[in-house]
PDB file of N, CA and C in Angstrom:
ATOM      1  N   MET A   1     111.386  70.430  53.237  1.00  0.00           N
ATOM      2  CA  MET A   1     111.680  70.183  54.951  1.00  0.00           C
ATOM      3  C   MET A   1     110.426  70.086  55.621  1.00  0.00           C
ATOM      4  N   SER A   2     109.820  69.471  56.194  1.00  0.00           N
ATOM      5  CA  SER A   2     108.922  69.284  56.937  1.00  0.00           C
ATOM      6  C   SER A   2     109.079  69.646  58.459  1.00  0.00           C
ATOM      7  N   HIS A   3     107.726  70.038  58.889  1.00  0.00           N
ATOM      8  CA  HIS A   3     107.476  70.320  60.320  1.00  0.00           C
ATOM      9  C   HIS A   3     107.998  68.965  61.062  1.00  0.00           C
ATOM     10  N   LYS A   4     107.925  67.761  60.597  1.00  0.00           N
ATOM     11  CA  LYS A   4     107.378  66.647  61.483  1.00  0.00           C
ATOM     12  C   LYS A   4     108.239  66.025  61.046  1.00  0.00           C
ATOM     13  N   GLU A   5     109.604  66.329  61.136  1.00  0.00           N
ATOM     14  CA  GLU A   5     110.763  65.905  60.919  1.00  0.00           C
ATOM     15  C   GLU A   5     111.737  65.544  62.448  1.00  0.00           C
ATOM     16  N   GLY A   6     111.310  65.783  63.438  1.00  0.00           N
ATOM     17  CA  GLY A   6     111.409  66.205  64.848  1.00  0.00           C
ATOM     18  C   GLY A   6     112.181  67.111  65.028  1.00  0.00           C
ATOM     19  N   GLY A   7     111.981  68.358  64.791  1.00  0.00           N
ATOM     20  CA  GLY A   7     112.627  69.505  65.322  1.00  0.00           C
ATOM     21  C   GLY A   7     113.949  69.824  64.974  1.00  0.00           C
ATOM     22  N   THR A   8     114.080  69.480  63.971  1.00  0.00           N
ATOM     23  CA  THR A   8     115.686  69.535  63.545  1.00  0.00           C
ATOM     24  C   THR A   8     116.273  70.973  62.878  1.00  0.00           C
ATOM     25  N   GLY A   9     114.948  72.000  62.733  1.00  0.00           N
ATOM     26  CA  GLY A   9     115.372  73.362  62.837  1.00  0.00           C
ATOM     27  C   GLY A   9     116.105  74.156  63.748  1.00  0.00           C
ATOM     28  N   ILE A  10     116.212  73.753  65.230  1.00  0.00           N
ATOM     29  CA  ILE A  10     116.817  74.476  65.953  1.00  0.00           C
ATOM     30  C   ILE A  10     118.056  73.377  65.421  1.00  0.00           C
ATOM     31  N   GLY A  11     118.587  72.411  65.785  1.00  0.00           N
ATOM     32  CA  GLY A  11     119.530  71.595  65.274  1.00  0.00           C
ATOM     33  C   GLY A  11     120.623  72.523  64.285  1.00  0.00           C
ATOM     34  N   TRP A  12     119.532  72.416  63.178  1.00  0.00           N
ATOM     35  CA  TRP A  12     120.494  73.101  62.286  1.00  0.00           C
ATOM     36  C   TRP A  12     121.212  74.939  62.226  1.00  0.00           C
ATOM     37  N   PHE A  13     119.780  75.883  63.074  1.00  0.00           N
ATOM     38  CA  PHE A  13     120.350  76.949  63.705  1.00  0.00           C
ATOM     39  C   PHE A  13     121.520  76.826  64.134  1.00  0.00           C
ATOM     40  N   LEU A  14     121.759  76.095  65.484  1.00  0.00           N
ATOM     41  CA  LEU A  14     122.561  75.925  66.189  1.00  0.00           C
ATOM     42  C   LEU A  14     124.394  75.396  65.573  1.00  0.00           C
ATOM     43  N   ALA A  15     124.039  74.375  64.501  1.00  0.00           N
ATOM     44  CA  ALA A  15     124.882  74.200  63.878  1.00  0.00           C
ATOM     45  C   ALA A  15     125.214  75.314  62.883  1.00  0.00           C
ATOM     46  N   GLY A  16     125.098  76.562  62.463  1.00  0.00           N
ATOM     47  CA  GLY A  16     125.116  77.478  61.644  1.00  0.00           C
ATOM     48  C   GLY A  16     125.505  78.649  62.377  1.00  0.00           C
ATOM     49  N   LEU A  17     124.859  78.920  63.718  1.00  0.00           N
ATOM     50  CA  LEU A  17     125.850  79.689  64.581  1.00  0.00           C
ATOM     51  C   LEU A  17     126.795  78.905  65.227  1.00  0.00           C
ATOM     52  N   GLY A  18     127.580  77.910  65.492  1.00  0.00           N
ATOM     53  CA  GLY A  18     128.474  77.359  65.667  1.00  0.00           C
ATOM     54  C   GLY A  18     129.796  78.079  64.100  1.00  0.00           C
ATOM     55  N   LEU A  19     129.206  77.404  62.959  1.00  0.00           N
ATOM     56  CA  LEU A  19     130.114  77.408  62.173  1.00  0.00           C
ATOM     57  C   LEU A  19     130.565  79.147  61.968  1.00  0.00           C
ATOM     58  N   GLY A  20     129.423  80.031  62.013  1.00  0.00           N
ATOM     59  CA  GLY A  20     129.596  81.394  61.943  1.00  0.00           C
ATOM     60  C   GLY A  20     130.640  81.495  62.939  1.00  0.00           C
ATOM     61  N   ALA A  21     130.450  81.095  63.984  1.00  0.00           N
ATOM     62  CA  ALA A  21     131.535  81.380  65.047  1.00  0.00           C
ATOM     63  C   ALA A  21     133.483  81.208  64.629  1.00  0.00           C
ATOM     64  N   VAL A  22     133.221  80.357  64.175  1.00  0.00           N
ATOM     65  CA  VAL A  22     134.533  79.302  63.743  1.00  0.00           C
ATOM     66  C   VAL A  22     135.000  80.341  62.474  1.00  0.00           C
ATOM     67  N   VAL A  23     134.220  80.759  61.513  1.00  0.00           N
ATOM     68  CA  VAL A  23     134.791  81.367  60.650  1.00  0.00           C
ATOM     69  C   VAL A  23     135.166  83.132  61.103  1.00  0.00           C
ATOM     70  N   GLY A  24     134.431  83.311  62.071  1.00  0.00           N
ATOM     71  CA  GLY A  24     134.512  84.414  62.610  1.00  0.00           C
ATOM     72  C   GLY A  24     135.954  84.591  62.642  1.00  0.00           C
ATOM     73  N   ILE A  25     136.638  83.601  64.039  1.00  0.00           N
ATOM     74  CA  ILE A  25     137.575  83.537  64.573  1.00  0.00           C
ATOM     75  C   ILE A  25     138.850  83.238  63.956  1.00  0.00           C
ATOM     76  N   LEU A  26     138.567  82.495  62.834  1.00  0.00           N
ATOM     77  CA  LEU A  26     139.711  82.262  61.697  1.00  0.00           C
ATOM     78  C   LEU A  26     140.009  83.533  60.738  1.00  0.00           C
ATOM     79  N   PHE A  27     138.710  84.220  60.705  1.00  0.00           N
ATOM     80  CA  PHE A  27     138.837  85.993  59.569  1.00  0.00           C
ATOM     81  C   PHE A  27     139.089  86.890  60.297  1.00  0.00           C
ATOM     82  N   ALA A  28     139.411  86.762  61.293  1.00  0.00           N
ATOM     83  CA  ALA A  28     139.890  87.943  62.734  1.00  0.00           C
ATOM     84  C   ALA A  28     140.730  88.725  62.080  1.00  0.00           C
ATOM     85  N   PRO A  29     140.531  90.120  62.197  1.00  0.00           N
ATOM     86  CA  PRO A  29     141.763  90.899  61.570  1.00  0.00           C
ATOM     87  C   PRO A  29     142.740  90.937  62.714  1.00  0.00           C
ATOM     88  N   GLN A  30     142.607  90.525  63.660  1.00  0.00           N
ATOM     89  CA  GLN A  30     143.563  91.053  64.873  1.00  0.00           C
ATOM     90  C   GLN A  30     144.256  89.746  65.522  1.00  0.00           C
ATOM     91  N   SER A  31     145.194  89.328  66.074  1.00  0.00           N
ATOM     92  CA  SER A  31     145.696  88.153  66.748  1.00  0.00           C
ATOM     93  C   SER A  31     144.942  87.955  67.886  1.00  0.00           C
ATOM     94  N   GLY A  32     145.522  86.918  68.504  1.00  0.00           N
ATOM     95  CA  GLY A  32     144.143  86.455  69.813  1.00  0.00           C
ATOM     96  C   GLY A  32     144.612  87.122  70.929  1.00  0.00           C
ATOM     97  N   SER A  33     145.759  87.774  71.403  1.00  0.00           N
ATOM     98  CA  SER A  33     146.068  88.664  72.441  1.00  0.00           C
ATOM     99  C   SER A  33     145.247  89.747  72.172  1.00  0.00           C
ATOM    100  N   GLU A  34     145.402  90.212  71.008  1.00  0.00           N
ATOM    101  CA  GLU A  34     144.441  91.497  70.453  1.00  0.00           C
ATOM    102  C   GLU A  34     143.137  91.265  70.680  1.00  0.00           C
ATOM    103  N   MET A  35     142.629  90.668  70.513  1.00  0.00           N
ATOM    104  CA  MET A  35     141.543  90.047  70.051  1.00  0.00           C
ATOM    105  C   MET A  35     140.957  89.934  71.716  1.00  0.00           C
ATOM    106  N   ARG A  36     141.481  89.467  73.092  1.00  0.00           N
ATOM    107  CA  ARG A  36     141.089  89.160  74.137  1.00  0.00           C
ATOM    108  C   ARG A  36     141.379  90.330  74.799  1.00  0.00           C
ATOM    109  N   GLU A  37     142.315  91.629  74.318  1.00  0.00           N
ATOM    110  CA  GLU A  37     142.142  92.580  74.635  1.00  0.00           C
ATOM    111  C   GLU A  37     141.115  93.773  74.438  1.00  0.00           C
ATOM    112  N   VAL A  38     140.685  93.379  73.258  1.00  0.00           N
ATOM    113  CA  VAL A  38     139.468  93.953  72.806  1.00  0.00           C
ATOM    114  C   VAL A  38     138.109  93.177  73.634  1.00  0.00           C
ATOM    115  N   LEU A  39     137.985  92.439  73.669  1.00  0.00           N
ATOM    116  CA  LEU A  39     136.581  91.480  74.275  1.00  0.00           C
ATOM    117  C   LEU A  39     136.586  92.087  75.515  1.00  0.00           C
ATOM    118  N   LEU A  40     138.159  92.156  76.561  1.00  0.00           N
ATOM    119  CA  LEU A  40     137.935  92.301  77.728  1.00  0.00           C
ATOM    120  C   LEU A  40     137.663  94.003  78.077  1.00  0.00           C
ATOM    121  N   SER A  41     137.887  94.640  77.083  1.00  0.00           N
ATOM    122  CA  SER A  41     137.373  96.306  77.019  1.00  0.00           C
ATOM    123  C   SER A  41     136.076  96.154  76.684  1.00  0.00           C
ATOM    124  N   LYS A  42     135.688  95.568  75.771  1.00  0.00           N
ATOM    125  CA  LYS A  42     133.975  95.519  75.479  1.00  0.00           C
ATOM    126  C   LYS A  42     133.418  95.314  76.696  1.00  0.00           C
ATOM    127  N   ALA A  43     133.736  93.923  77.391  1.00  0.00           N
ATOM    128  CA  ALA A  43     133.009  93.176  78.424  1.00  0.00           C
ATOM    129  C   ALA A  43     133.328  94.527  79.855  1.00  0.00           C
ATOM    130  N   ASP A  44     133.950  95.462  79.708  1.00  0.00           N
ATOM    131  CA  ASP A  44     133.795  96.172  80.981  1.00  0.00           C
ATOM    132  C   ASP A  44     132.941  97.642  80.379  1.00  0.00           C
ATOM    133  N   GLU A  45     133.361  97.825  79.444  1.00  0.00           N
ATOM    134  CA  GLU A  45     131.975  98.919  78.556  1.00  0.00           C
ATOM    135  C   GLU A  45     131.037  98.375  79.054  1.00  0.00           C
ATOM    136  N   GLY A  46     130.175  97.359  78.655  1.00  0.00           N
ATOM    137  CA  GLY A  46     128.990  96.581  78.922  1.00  0.00           C
ATOM    138  C   GLY A  46     129.065  96.624  80.569  1.00  0.00           C
ATOM    139  N   LYS A  47     129.556  96.368  81.357  1.00  0.00           N
ATOM    140  CA  LYS A  47     129.160  96.239  82.730  1.00  0.00           C
ATOM    141  C   LYS A  47     129.011  97.796  83.043  1.00  0.00           C
ATOM    142  N   GLU A  48     129.719  98.895  83.006  1.00  0.00           N
ATOM    143  CA  GLU A  48     129.808  99.848  83.289  1.00  0.00           C
ATOM    144  C   GLU A  48     128.225 100.270  82.661  1.00  0.00           C
ATOM    145  N   PHE A  49     128.202 100.296  81.595  1.00  0.00           N
ATOM    146  CA  PHE A  49     126.605 100.438  81.045  1.00  0.00           C
ATOM    147  C   PHE A  49     125.560 100.066  82.060  1.00  0.00           C
ATOM    148  N   VAL A  50     125.929  98.942  82.142  1.00  0.00           N
ATOM    149  CA  VAL A  50     124.756  97.997  83.222  1.00  0.00           C
ATOM    150  C   VAL A  50     124.534  98.612  84.336  1.00  0.00           C
ATOM    151  N   ARG A  51     125.808  98.900  84.892  1.00  0.00           N
ATOM    152  CA  ARG A  51     125.905  99.651  86.288  1.00  0.00           C
ATOM    153  C   ARG A  51     124.699 101.159  86.424  1.00  0.00           C
ATOM    154  N   ASN A  52     125.190 101.805  85.000  1.00  0.00           N
ATOM    155  CA  ASN A  52     124.967 103.183  84.800  1.00  0.00           C
ATOM    156  C   ASN A  52     123.283 102.722  84.692  1.00  0.00           C
ATOM    157  N   ARG A  53     122.975 101.946  84.223  1.00  0.00           N
ATOM    158  CA  ARG A  53     121.236 102.126  83.989  1.00  0.00           C
ATOM    159  C   ARG A  53     120.681 101.441  85.453  1.00  0.00           C
ATOM    160  N   ALA A  54     121.198 100.473  86.129  1.00  0.00           N
ATOM    161  CA  ALA A  54     120.802 100.185  86.937  1.00  0.00           C
ATOM    162  C   ALA A  54     120.773 101.413  88.073  1.00  0.00           C
ATOM    163  N   ARG A  55     121.659 102.414  88.136  1.00  0.00           N
ATOM    164  CA  ARG A  55     121.911 103.293  88.984  1.00  0.00           C
ATOM    165  C   ARG A  55     120.227 104.341  88.665  1.00  0.00           C
ATOM    166  N   GLU A  56     120.460 104.716  87.231  1.00  0.00           N
ATOM    167  CA  GLU A  56     119.445 105.270  86.797  1.00  0.00           C
ATOM    168  C   GLU A  56     118.021 104.795  87.153  1.00  0.00           C
ATOM    169  N   ALA A  57     118.003 103.802  87.291  1.00  0.00           N
ATOM    170  CA  ALA A  57     116.342 102.936  87.347  1.00  0.00           C
ATOM    171  C   ALA A  57     116.192 102.968  88.903  1.00  0.00           C
ATOM    172  N   ARG A  58     117.130 103.066  89.673  1.00  0.00           N
ATOM    173  CA  ARG A  58     117.231 103.248  90.899  1.00  0.00           C
ATOM    174  C   ARG A  58     116.457 104.408  91.254  1.00  0.00           C
ATOM    175  N   GLU A  59     117.087 105.681  90.865  1.00  0.00           N
ATOM    176  CA  GLU A  59     117.160 106.794  91.197  1.00  0.00           C
ATOM    177  C   GLU A  59     115.499 106.925  90.448  1.00  0.00           C
ATOM    178  N   HIS A  60     115.058 106.331  89.208  1.00  0.00           N
ATOM    179  CA  HIS A  60     113.290 106.677  88.681  1.00  0.00           C
ATOM    180  C   HIS A  60     112.407 105.904  90.210  1.00  0.00           C
ATOM    181  N   ALA A  61     113.221 104.566  90.276  1.00  0.00           N
ATOM    182  CA  ALA A  61     111.932 104.393  90.932  1.00  0.00           C
ATOM    183  C   ALA A  61     111.927 105.282  92.520  1.00  0.00           C
ATOM    184  N   SER A  62     112.476 105.594  93.039  1.00  0.00           N
ATOM    185  CA  SER A  62     113.005 106.417  94.115  1.00  0.00           C
ATOM    186  C   SER A  62     112.010 107.534  93.874  1.00  0.00           C
ATOM    187  N   ASP A  63     112.177 108.291  92.753  1.00  0.00           N
ATOM    188  CA  ASP A  63     111.523 109.439  92.510  1.00  0.00           C
ATOM    189  C   ASP A  63     109.750 108.972  92.125  1.00  0.00           C
ATOM    190  N   TRP A  64     109.480 108.359  91.796  1.00  0.00           N
ATOM    191  CA  TRP A  64     108.206 107.718  91.679  1.00  0.00           C
ATOM    192  C   TRP A  64     107.384 106.990  93.184  1.00  0.00           C
ATOM    193  N   MET A  65     108.479 106.562  94.160  1.00  0.00           N
ATOM    194  CA  MET A  65     108.070 105.955  95.267  1.00  0.00           C
ATOM    195  C   MET A  65     107.715 107.564  95.789  1.00  0.00           C
ATOM    196  N   ASP A  66     108.715 108.463  95.967  1.00  0.00           N
ATOM    197  CA  ASP A  66     108.472 109.979  96.692  1.00  0.00           C
ATOM    198  C   ASP A  66     107.393 110.554  96.216  1.00  0.00           C
ATOM    199  N   ARG A  67     106.987 110.454  94.847  1.00  0.00           N
ATOM    200  CA  ARG A  67     105.462 111.126  93.790  1.00  0.00           C
ATOM    201  C   ARG A  67     104.391 110.351  94.697  1.00  0.00           C
ATOM    202  N   GLY A  68     104.609 108.471  95.219  1.00  0.00           N
ATOM    203  CA  GLY A  68     103.715 107.726  95.191  1.00  0.00           C
ATOM    204  C   GLY A  68     103.060 108.487  96.646  1.00  0.00           C
ATOM    205  N   LYS A  69     103.911 108.326  97.657  1.00  0.00           N
ATOM    206  CA  LYS A  69     103.646 108.802  99.028  1.00  0.00           C
ATOM    207  C   LYS A  69     103.349 110.516  99.218  1.00  0.00           C
ATOM    208  N   ASP A  70     103.673 110.998  98.301  1.00  0.00           N
ATOM    209  CA  ASP A  70     102.817 112.701  98.322  1.00  0.00           C
ATOM    210  C   ASP A  70     101.400 112.497  98.168  1.00  0.00           C
ATOM    211  N   VAL A  71     101.138 111.722  97.135  1.00  0.00           N
ATOM    212  CA  VAL A  71      99.420 111.608  96.290  1.00  0.00           C
ATOM    213  C   VAL A  71      98.927 110.937  96.999  1.00  0.00           C
ATOM    214  N   LEU A  72      99.490 109.874  98.201  1.00  0.00           N
ATOM    215  CA  LEU A  72      98.661 109.532  99.171  1.00  0.00           C
ATOM    216  C   LEU A  72      98.509 110.211 100.677  1.00  0.00           C
ATOM    217  N   SER A  73      99.444 110.667 100.403  1.00  0.00           N
ATOM    218  CA  SER A  73      99.496 111.974 101.709  1.00  0.00           C
ATOM    219  C   SER A  73      98.403 112.674 101.373  1.00  0.00           C
ATOM    220  N   GLN A  74      97.993 113.104  99.963  1.00  0.00           N
ATOM    221  CA  GLN A  74      97.081 114.600 100.084  1.00  0.00           C
ATOM    222  C   GLN A  74      95.552 113.756  99.925  1.00  0.00           C
ATOM    223  N   GLN A  75      95.926 112.027  99.435  1.00  0.00           N
ATOM    224  CA  GLN A  75      94.330 111.191  99.260  1.00  0.00           C
ATOM    225  C   GLN A  75      93.971 111.502 101.023  1.00  0.00           C
ATOM    226  N   LYS A  76      94.844 111.085 101.710  1.00  0.00           N
ATOM    227  CA  LYS A  76      94.192 111.312 103.259  1.00  0.00           C
ATOM    228  C   LYS A  76      93.949 111.966 103.632  1.00  0.00           C
ATOM    229  N   ASP A  77      94.730 113.294 103.598  1.00  0.00           N
ATOM    230  CA  ASP A  77      94.038 114.926 104.038  1.00  0.00           C
ATOM    231  C   ASP A  77      92.870 114.944 103.114  1.00  0.00           C
ATOM    232  N   GLN A  78      92.801 114.573 102.307  1.00  0.00           N
ATOM    233  CA  GLN A  78      91.550 115.074 101.757  1.00  0.00           C
ATOM    234  C   GLN A  78      89.973 114.462 102.351  1.00  0.00           C
ATOM    235  N   ILE A  79      90.489 112.937 102.740  1.00  0.00           N
ATOM    236  CA  ILE A  79      89.658 112.078 103.064  1.00  0.00           C
ATOM    237  C   ILE A  79      89.072 112.764 104.397  1.00  0.00           C
ATOM    238  N   ARG A  80      90.102 112.878 105.573  1.00  0.00           N
ATOM    239  CA  ARG A  80      90.309 113.011 106.649  1.00  0.00           C
ATOM    240  C   ARG A  80      89.034 114.803 106.473  1.00  0.00           C
ATOM    241  N   SER A  81      89.333 115.301 105.838  1.00  0.00           N
ATOM    242  CA  SER A  81      88.191 116.877 105.737  1.00  0.00           C
ATOM    243  C   SER A  81      87.100 116.394 105.346  1.00  0.00           C
ATOM    244  N   ALA A  82      87.282 115.358 104.482  1.00  0.00           N
ATOM    245  CA  ALA A  82      85.543 114.974 103.829  1.00  0.00           C
ATOM    246  C   ALA A  82      84.812 114.206 105.194  1.00  0.00           C
ATOM    247  N   VAL A  83      85.556 113.521 105.672  1.00  0.00           N
ATOM    248  CA  VAL A  83      85.109 112.971 106.882  1.00  0.00           C
ATOM    249  C   VAL A  83      84.513 114.003 108.147  1.00  0.00           C
ATOM    250  N   GLU A  84      85.723 114.704 108.495  1.00  0.00           N
ATOM    251  CA  GLU A  84      85.103 115.828 109.148  1.00  0.00           C
ATOM    252  C   GLU A  84      84.166 117.044 108.998  1.00  0.00           C
ATOM    253  N   ALA A  85      84.196 117.292 107.415  1.00  0.00           N
ATOM    254  CA  ALA A  85      82.828 117.707 107.307  1.00  0.00           C
ATOM    255  C   ALA A  85      81.213 116.889 107.395  1.00  0.00           C
ATOM    256  N   GLY A  86      81.460 115.896 106.915  1.00  0.00           N
ATOM    257  CA  GLY A  86      80.314 114.905 107.135  1.00  0.00           C
ATOM    258  C   GLY A  86      80.134 114.656 108.448  1.00  0.00           C
ATOM    259  N   LYS A  87      81.321 114.937 109.275  1.00  0.00           N
ATOM    260  CA  LYS A  87      80.469 114.849 110.957  1.00  0.00           C
ATOM    261  C   LYS A  87      80.216 116.015 111.723  1.00  0.00           C
ATOM    262  N   GLN A  88      80.664 117.054 110.955  1.00  0.00           N
ATOM    263  CA  GLN A  88      80.104 118.421 111.385  1.00  0.00           C
ATOM    264  C   GLN A  88      78.702 118.659 110.365  1.00  0.00           C
ATOM    265  N   ALA A  89      78.622 118.364 109.342  1.00  0.00           N
ATOM    266  CA  ALA A  89      77.307 118.634 109.244  1.00  0.00           C
ATOM    267  C   ALA A  89      75.669 117.545 109.994  1.00  0.00           C
ATOM    268  N   TYR A  90      76.597 116.260 110.408  1.00  0.00           N
ATOM    269  CA  TYR A  90      75.561 115.490 110.941  1.00  0.00           C
ATOM    270  C   TYR A  90      75.237 116.404 112.481  1.00  0.00           C
ATOM    271  N   ARG A  91      76.716 116.733 113.166  1.00  0.00           N
ATOM    272  CA  ARG A  91      76.494 117.940 114.375  1.00  0.00           C
ATOM    273  C   ARG A  91      75.099 118.812 114.110  1.00  0.00           C
ATOM    274  N   GLU A  92      75.437 119.346 113.058  1.00  0.00           N
ATOM    275  CA  GLU A  92      74.451 120.050 112.778  1.00  0.00           C
ATOM    276  C   GLU A  92      73.071 120.121 112.448  1.00  0.00           C
ATOM    277  N   THR A  93      72.604 118.741 111.881  1.00  0.00           N
ATOM    278  CA  THR A  93      71.607 118.484 111.401  1.00  0.00           C
ATOM    279  C   THR A  93      71.082 118.061 112.520  1.00  0.00           C
ATOM    280  N   THR A  94      71.779 117.090 113.588  1.00  0.00           N
ATOM    281  CA  THR A  94      70.944 116.596 114.880  1.00  0.00           C
ATOM    282  C   THR A  94      70.528 117.666 115.966  1.00  0.00           C
ATOM    283  N   SER A  95      71.686 118.710 115.704  1.00  0.00           N
ATOM    284  CA  SER A  95      71.385 119.745 116.835  1.00  0.00           C
ATOM    285  C   SER A  95      69.796 120.866 116.361  1.00  0.00           C
ATOM    286  N   ALA A  96      70.277 120.532 114.797  1.00  0.00           N
ATOM    287  CA  ALA A  96      68.948 121.605 114.583  1.00  0.00           C
ATOM    288  C   ALA A  96      67.559 120.431 114.716  1.00  0.00           C
ATOM    289  N   VAL A  97      67.658 119.227 114.265  1.00  0.00           N
ATOM    290  CA  VAL A  97      66.597 118.240 114.735  1.00  0.00           C
ATOM    291  C   VAL A  97      66.118 118.402 116.131  1.00  0.00           C
ATOM    292  N   ALA A  98      66.917 118.454 116.863  1.00  0.00           N
ATOM    293  CA  ALA A  98      66.637 118.612 118.354  1.00  0.00           C
ATOM    294  C   ALA A  98      66.225 119.559 118.943  1.00  0.00           C
ATOM    295  N   ASP A  99      66.320 120.660 118.468  1.00  0.00           N
ATOM    296  CA  ASP A  99      66.139 122.447 118.834  1.00  0.00           C
ATOM    297  C   ASP A  99      64.808 121.985 118.185  1.00  0.00           C
ATOM    298  N   GLY A 100      64.554 121.770 117.027  1.00  0.00           N
ATOM    299  CA  GLY A 100      62.828 122.115 116.427  1.00  0.00           C
ATOM    300  C   GLY A 100      62.232 121.328 117.181  1.00  0.00           C
ATOM    301  N   GLY A 101      62.694 120.172 117.845  1.00  0.00           N
ATOM    302  CA  GLY A 101      61.724 119.084 118.509  1.00  0.00           C
ATOM    303  C   GLY A 101      61.291 119.642 119.493  1.00  0.00           C
ATOM    304  N   ALA A 102      62.279 120.167 120.011  1.00  0.00           N
ATOM    305  CA  ALA A 102      62.202 120.489 121.570  1.00  0.00           C
ATOM    306  C   ALA A 102      61.373 121.971 121.447  1.00  0.00           C
ATOM    307  N   LYS A 103      61.318 122.884 120.504  1.00  0.00           N
ATOM    308  CA  LYS A 103      59.906 123.734 120.576  1.00  0.00           C
ATOM    309  C   LYS A 103      58.943 123.582 120.158  1.00  0.00           C
ATOM    310  N   ASN A 104      58.603 122.293 119.261  1.00  0.00           N
ATOM    311  CA  ASN A 104      57.813 121.937 119.230  1.00  0.00           C
ATOM    312  C   ASN A 104      56.493 121.013 120.470  1.00  0.00           C
ATOM    313  N   LEU A 105      57.368 121.034 121.703  1.00  0.00           N
ATOM    314  CA  LEU A 105      56.823 120.329 122.812  1.00  0.00           C
ATOM    315  C   LEU A 105      55.875 121.246 123.184  1.00  0.00           C
TER     316      LEU A 105
END
């Protein structure tokens, strides 16, 4: 079989998938009503699993957001302190230069 035949690989895959589903239903060990109950039970289990995972994801996102806010707050405080230290150093330098300049006159 060549790849130039127009993409029949997907068609064969879908046909095999359908055939497998039909054979699975024919050889199922339970009756139709029992099978429906099992499927509904599994669907409910899946729904509950998804809910739990979503709740956990929200909790983790909230934790990460809180941590990010704390880090941002710390960074702001450090920057504020550095700016104040720079201003103080500037004031001291300009004051010393002004005092030294007045003595030289």
